[in-house]
Amino acid sequence: MSYLSSPAAPRVPVYQLYGEREQWPTPDMVHCELIADRSRQHDWEIKLHQHHGLTQLLYLKEGEARVCLDDQYHEMMQGQVVLVPQMCVHGFRFSPNAKGHVVTLAFPLLERLGRFLGDVDVGALGAGIYSLDAQEDAVIDLAFNTLDQEYRRSGLHRNVLLESLLLTIFVWLSRRTVRGRLGQVQEVDRGREYFRQFNQLIEEHYPEQWSVERYARKIGITPVYLNVLCRQWAGESALALIHQRVVLAAKRSLVYTSMTISVVSYTLGFSDPAYFTRFFKRHVGVSPKLFRKQAATLVE
């Protein structure tokens, strides 16, 4: 199969999901779809792109694919899983008979899963292709199938089951990391490491309303350079990325808790609920009250 030329990172588009630049419509921190759902719309070719704040897992159950991970190209066969960390330049060309699953995780969920594994920093795992052996095939296939089915439902303890299935997959990935992988890409870019640290710090301190200057100082770089990195790797300013995380937390609180809007605003570091309401409406397009009402129909 033919493929694209090597990527030049600053010219590669940054998406939430491929072909989409808008925020996810719900506060879920995971998104599941079949390979064919998106690839068929693009003639089975997903061109080179990046994701900010998102990590992807692609399980190829049937068919073939040619994969680009940063500047390395690999042939992917059925029974393999590819891990695509955030800001990895990647693309796919699938055979028309390709079947499988694509799972996208937001950075906060990846961090939470990582805390369960302790000895493995799942957020720092590099891009790579993992092969299943005969004993693992049925377990991982079941995990991805069940994950996809549960994602499309609204059953009792849905989020708990989704995270349990994701943990199953990441336990397997961590074991394969120890034993060795195909197509591993070593990270050598210092700027990308600074950007990764910034995302980690956002996750730890977004409710404290840290300034961009404080984040930069903690990393050991200037605010100007931090903004340069954010625009290079995510196409957004540092402040915009901080605000996106606050908005995500607000959405989840509004949908999945019974906290009043005032309490939600205080937990996110806002001293004035009215200012929080203006902040939320500016970023989401509707007030917190209306968002909660609209989202209720999606999670029932």
Protein backbone atom coordinates (compact mmCIF):
# COMPACT_ATOMS: atom_id res chain seq x y z
CA MET A 1 0.00 0.00 0.00
CA SER A 2 1.23 3.50 -0.81
CA TYR A 3 1.67 6.04 1.95
CA LEU A 4 2.42 9.63 2.77
CA SER A 5 5.75 11.40 2.90
CA SER A 6 7.54 11.96 6.20
CA PRO A 7 5.81 14.49 8.47
CA ALA A 8 6.96 17.96 9.36
CA ALA A 9 5.46 18.40 12.83
CA PRO A 10 4.52 22.10 12.76
CA ARG A 11 2.47 21.60 9.56
CA VAL A 12 0.63 18.52 10.82
CA PRO A 13 -2.93 19.28 11.94
CA VAL A 14 -3.92 18.78 15.57
CA TYR A 15 -7.34 17.22 16.13
CA GLN A 16 -9.53 16.15 19.02
CA LEU A 17 -10.53 13.19 16.86
CA TYR A 18 -9.44 12.83 13.24
CA GLY A 19 -11.17 15.44 11.11
CA GLU A 20 -12.70 17.20 14.13
CA ARG A 21 -11.49 20.34 15.88
CA GLU A 22 -14.40 20.83 18.28
CA GLN A 23 -14.41 19.62 21.87
CA TRP A 24 -16.07 16.32 22.63
CA PRO A 25 -19.86 16.72 22.98
CA THR A 26 -20.01 14.93 26.36
CA PRO A 27 -17.75 14.89 29.44
CA ASP A 28 -16.70 11.26 28.84
CA MET A 29 -12.92 10.89 29.06
CA VAL A 30 -12.93 7.95 26.65
CA HIS A 31 -14.22 7.62 23.10
CA CYS A 32 -14.71 4.31 21.28
CA GLU A 33 -15.43 3.61 17.65
CA LEU A 34 -14.85 0.93 15.02
CA ILE A 35 -12.00 1.35 12.55
CA ALA A 36 -14.50 1.46 9.69
CA ASP A 37 -16.63 4.19 11.29
CA ARG A 38 -14.14 6.91 10.39
CA SER A 39 -11.77 5.28 7.91
CA ARG A 40 -14.48 4.35 5.42
CA GLN A 41 -15.40 8.05 5.18
CA HIS A 42 -11.81 8.87 4.17
CA ASP A 43 -11.28 6.06 1.63
CA TRP A 44 -9.52 3.98 4.33
CA GLU A 45 -6.72 6.53 4.73
CA ILE A 46 -6.20 8.56 7.90
CA LYS A 47 -3.64 11.20 6.96
CA LEU A 48 -0.86 12.39 9.22
CA HIS A 49 -2.13 14.31 12.24
CA GLN A 50 -1.67 14.73 16.00
CA HIS A 51 -3.83 14.83 19.12
CA HIS A 52 -3.29 17.15 22.06
CA GLY A 53 -4.14 15.68 25.45
CA LEU A 54 -5.31 12.39 23.97
CA THR A 55 -3.80 8.91 23.76
CA GLN A 56 -5.14 6.34 21.30
CA LEU A 57 -5.21 2.56 21.17
CA LEU A 58 -6.02 0.88 17.86
CA TYR A 59 -6.71 -2.85 17.81
CA LEU A 60 -6.59 -4.42 14.34
CA LYS A 61 -8.76 -7.53 14.55
CA GLU A 62 -8.84 -8.31 10.83
CA GLY A 63 -7.11 -6.97 7.72
CA GLU A 64 -3.87 -5.04 7.27
CA ALA A 65 -2.64 -1.49 7.78
CA ARG A 66 0.40 0.64 7.08
CA VAL A 67 1.15 2.82 10.08
CA CYS A 68 3.25 5.96 10.57
CA LEU A 69 4.42 6.74 14.11
CA ASP A 70 6.34 10.01 14.03
CA ASP A 71 8.80 9.47 11.19
CA GLN A 72 8.79 5.65 11.23
CA TYR A 73 6.58 3.44 9.06
CA HIS A 74 5.41 -0.06 9.92
CA GLU A 75 3.29 -2.83 8.46
CA MET A 76 0.54 -3.75 10.90
CA MET A 77 -1.11 -7.16 10.79
CA GLN A 78 -4.26 -8.51 12.39
CA GLY A 79 -3.90 -9.35 16.06
CA GLN A 80 -1.80 -6.28 16.85
CA VAL A 81 -2.44 -3.18 18.95
CA VAL A 82 -0.83 0.20 18.28
CA LEU A 83 -0.35 2.76 21.05
CA VAL A 84 -0.31 6.41 19.94
CA PRO A 85 0.65 8.83 22.74
CA GLN A 86 -0.39 12.48 22.64
CA MET A 87 1.34 14.67 20.05
CA CYS A 88 2.77 11.67 18.20
CA VAL A 89 2.45 12.38 14.48
CA HIS A 90 0.59 9.38 13.12
CA GLY A 91 -1.44 8.15 10.19
CA PHE A 92 -2.94 4.93 8.81
CA ARG A 93 -3.81 3.33 5.51
CA PHE A 94 -6.12 0.38 6.02
CA SER A 95 -7.08 -2.45 3.71
CA PRO A 96 -10.82 -2.23 2.89
CA ASN A 97 -11.48 -5.39 4.91
CA ALA A 98 -9.95 -3.93 8.08
CA LYS A 99 -11.93 -4.49 11.27
CA GLY A 100 -11.15 -3.50 14.82
CA HIS A 101 -11.49 -0.79 17.44
CA VAL A 102 -10.11 2.68 18.08
CA VAL A 103 -10.12 3.85 21.71
CA THR A 104 -9.20 7.43 22.59
CA LEU A 105 -8.42 8.44 26.19
CA ALA A 106 -8.21 11.95 27.59
CA PHE A 107 -5.08 12.75 29.57
CA PRO A 108 -6.82 12.90 32.99
CA LEU A 109 -8.21 9.38 32.55
CA LEU A 110 -4.81 8.08 31.48
CA GLU A 111 -3.28 9.59 34.60
CA ARG A 112 -5.91 7.98 36.82
CA LEU A 113 -5.33 4.58 35.26
CA GLY A 114 -1.60 5.07 35.75
CA ARG A 115 -2.07 5.49 39.49
CA PHE A 116 -3.49 1.98 39.69
CA LEU A 117 -0.44 0.52 37.95
CA GLY A 118 2.07 2.42 40.06
CA ASP A 119 5.27 0.93 38.70
CA VAL A 120 4.46 1.83 35.09
CA ASP A 121 4.07 5.44 33.89
CA VAL A 122 1.43 4.81 31.25
CA GLY A 123 1.46 8.49 30.32
CA ALA A 124 5.12 8.18 29.32
CA LEU A 125 4.77 5.05 27.20
CA GLY A 126 6.16 5.69 23.74
CA ALA A 127 4.47 4.95 20.44
CA GLY A 128 4.64 1.32 19.46
CA ILE A 129 2.99 -1.76 17.99
CA TYR A 130 2.21 -4.68 20.30
CA SER A 131 1.58 -8.23 19.10
CA LEU A 132 -0.81 -10.66 20.75
CA ASP A 133 0.17 -14.26 21.29
CA ALA A 134 -2.25 -17.19 21.20
CA GLN A 135 -3.03 -17.03 24.93
CA GLU A 136 -3.57 -13.28 24.99
CA ASP A 137 -5.63 -12.97 21.82
CA ALA A 138 -8.99 -14.02 23.28
CA VAL A 139 -8.60 -11.88 26.43
CA ILE A 140 -7.65 -8.64 24.65
CA ASP A 141 -10.20 -9.22 21.89
CA LEU A 142 -12.91 -9.61 24.54
CA ALA A 143 -11.70 -6.51 26.39
CA PHE A 144 -11.92 -4.30 23.28
CA ASN A 145 -15.28 -5.77 22.20
CA THR A 146 -16.82 -5.32 25.64
CA LEU A 147 -15.36 -1.82 25.95
CA ASP A 148 -17.00 -0.80 22.68
CA GLN A 149 -20.37 -2.32 23.64
CA GLU A 150 -20.38 -0.77 27.10
CA TYR A 151 -19.38 2.63 25.73
CA ARG A 152 -22.52 2.68 23.59
CA ARG A 153 -24.78 1.90 26.54
CA SER A 154 -25.76 3.73 29.71
CA GLY A 155 -25.85 0.85 32.17
CA LEU A 156 -25.31 0.87 35.92
CA HIS A 157 -21.68 1.56 36.92
CA ARG A 158 -20.77 2.15 33.27
CA ASN A 159 -17.69 4.26 34.04
CA VAL A 160 -16.36 1.71 36.54
CA LEU A 161 -16.60 -1.07 33.97
CA LEU A 162 -15.05 1.07 31.23
CA GLU A 163 -12.06 1.88 33.43
CA SER A 164 -11.71 -1.78 34.49
CA LEU A 165 -11.57 -2.86 30.85
CA LEU A 166 -9.03 -0.15 30.05
CA LEU A 167 -6.93 -1.28 33.01
CA THR A 168 -6.98 -4.82 31.64
CA ILE A 169 -5.59 -3.55 28.35
CA PHE A 170 -2.94 -1.37 29.99
CA VAL A 171 -1.81 -4.19 32.28
CA TRP A 172 -1.23 -6.24 29.14
CA LEU A 173 0.58 -3.32 27.47
CA SER A 174 2.84 -2.85 30.50
CA ARG A 175 3.78 -6.54 30.45
CA ARG A 176 4.56 -6.34 26.75
CA THR A 177 6.69 -3.26 27.43
CA VAL A 178 8.84 -5.30 29.76
CA ARG A 179 9.14 -8.15 27.25
CA GLY A 180 9.79 -5.82 24.28
CA ARG A 181 7.75 -4.31 21.46
CA LEU A 182 7.79 -3.89 17.72
CA GLY A 183 8.15 -0.46 16.20
CA GLN A 184 9.09 1.38 19.39
CA VAL A 185 9.83 5.07 18.91
CA GLN A 186 12.28 6.67 21.34
CA GLU A 187 11.45 10.18 22.49
CA VAL A 188 14.38 12.55 22.23
CA ASP A 189 12.73 15.92 21.81
CA ARG A 190 13.26 18.10 24.88
CA GLY A 191 10.47 20.49 23.90
CA ARG A 192 7.98 17.65 23.79
CA GLU A 193 9.11 16.53 27.25
CA TYR A 194 8.51 20.05 28.58
CA PHE A 195 5.07 19.95 27.00
CA ARG A 196 4.36 16.59 28.64
CA GLN A 197 5.41 18.01 32.01
CA PHE A 198 3.07 20.94 31.47
CA ASN A 199 0.13 18.61 30.88
CA GLN A 200 1.04 16.66 34.00
CA LEU A 201 1.16 19.84 36.06
CA ILE A 202 -2.17 21.01 34.69
CA GLU A 203 -3.72 17.77 35.87
CA GLU A 204 -2.29 18.27 39.35
CA HIS A 205 -3.01 21.97 39.79
CA TYR A 206 -5.87 23.14 37.54
CA PRO A 207 -8.27 23.62 40.53
CA GLU A 208 -5.74 25.99 42.10
CA GLN A 209 -5.92 28.57 39.29
CA TRP A 210 -2.16 28.59 38.68
CA SER A 211 -0.96 31.26 36.28
CA VAL A 212 0.98 30.44 33.12
CA GLU A 213 4.02 32.03 34.75
CA ARG A 214 3.82 29.66 37.71
CA TYR A 215 3.57 26.59 35.47
CA ALA A 216 6.57 27.77 33.45
CA ARG A 217 8.59 28.43 36.57
CA LYS A 218 7.82 24.95 37.89
CA ILE A 219 9.02 23.37 34.63
CA GLY A 220 12.10 25.60 34.54
CA ILE A 221 11.37 27.50 31.33
CA THR A 222 10.04 30.97 30.49
CA PRO A 223 6.32 31.66 29.93
CA VAL A 224 7.13 32.80 26.40
CA TYR A 225 8.83 29.49 25.58
CA LEU A 226 5.97 27.55 27.18
CA ASN A 227 3.52 29.34 24.90
CA VAL A 228 5.73 28.60 21.90
CA LEU A 229 5.71 24.90 22.78
CA CYS A 230 1.96 24.85 23.33
CA ARG A 231 1.30 26.49 19.99
CA GLN A 232 3.75 24.14 18.28
CA TRP A 233 2.36 20.92 19.76
CA ALA A 234 -1.28 21.79 20.35
CA GLY A 235 -2.04 24.87 18.28
CA GLU A 236 -3.25 26.66 21.41
CA SER A 237 -1.83 29.00 24.02
CA ALA A 238 -0.83 27.69 27.44
CA LEU A 239 -3.73 29.53 29.04
CA ALA A 240 -6.19 28.00 26.58
CA LEU A 241 -5.00 24.49 27.51
CA ILE A 242 -5.40 25.26 31.21
CA HIS A 243 -8.90 26.55 30.57
CA GLN A 244 -9.80 23.44 28.55
CA ARG A 245 -8.96 21.27 31.55
CA VAL A 246 -11.05 23.43 33.87
CA VAL A 247 -13.97 23.25 31.45
CA LEU A 248 -13.68 19.46 31.25
CA ALA A 249 -13.76 19.19 35.05
CA ALA A 250 -16.75 21.52 35.20
CA LYS A 251 -18.64 19.47 32.62
CA ARG A 252 -18.05 16.25 34.53
CA SER A 253 -19.18 17.78 37.81
CA LEU A 254 -22.32 19.17 36.21
CA VAL A 255 -23.22 15.87 34.59
CA TYR A 256 -22.10 13.25 37.08
CA THR A 257 -22.63 14.95 40.46
CA SER A 258 -25.48 16.75 42.17
CA MET A 259 -23.29 19.66 43.29
CA THR A 260 -24.84 23.06 42.86
CA ILE A 261 -23.30 25.39 40.30
CA SER A 262 -21.91 27.50 43.14
CA VAL A 263 -20.18 24.49 44.70
CA VAL A 264 -18.79 23.43 41.32
CA SER A 265 -17.35 26.90 40.85
CA TYR A 266 -15.69 26.86 44.29
CA THR A 267 -14.13 23.41 43.72
CA LEU A 268 -12.53 24.76 40.56
CA GLY A 269 -10.99 27.77 42.27
CA PHE A 270 -13.58 30.41 41.34
CA SER A 271 -14.47 32.72 44.22
CA ASP A 272 -17.44 34.17 42.33
CA PRO A 273 -20.06 31.76 40.86
CA ALA A 274 -21.23 34.49 38.50
CA TYR A 275 -17.74 34.76 37.01
CA PHE A 276 -17.62 30.96 36.68
CA THR A 277 -20.91 31.05 34.78
CA ARG A 278 -19.53 33.67 32.37
CA PHE A 279 -16.29 31.68 31.98
CA PHE A 280 -18.19 28.46 31.25
CA LYS A 281 -20.57 30.08 28.77
CA ARG A 282 -17.67 31.74 26.94
CA HIS A 283 -15.98 28.36 26.39
CA VAL A 284 -18.97 26.05 25.96
CA GLY A 285 -21.55 28.36 24.40
CA VAL A 286 -24.27 27.72 26.98
CA SER A 287 -24.63 28.38 30.70
CA PRO A 288 -23.77 25.66 33.26
CA LYS A 289 -27.47 25.29 34.06
CA LEU A 290 -28.45 24.73 30.44
CA PHE A 291 -25.49 22.42 29.83
CA ARG A 292 -26.55 20.24 32.77
CA LYS A 293 -30.10 20.10 31.44
CA GLN A 294 -28.99 19.17 27.91
CA ALA A 295 -26.43 16.61 29.08
CA ALA A 296 -28.99 14.85 31.28
CA THR A 297 -30.62 13.43 28.15
CA LEU A 298 -27.27 11.91 27.05
CA VAL A 299 -26.49 9.99 30.25
CA GLU A 300 -29.92 8.67 31.20
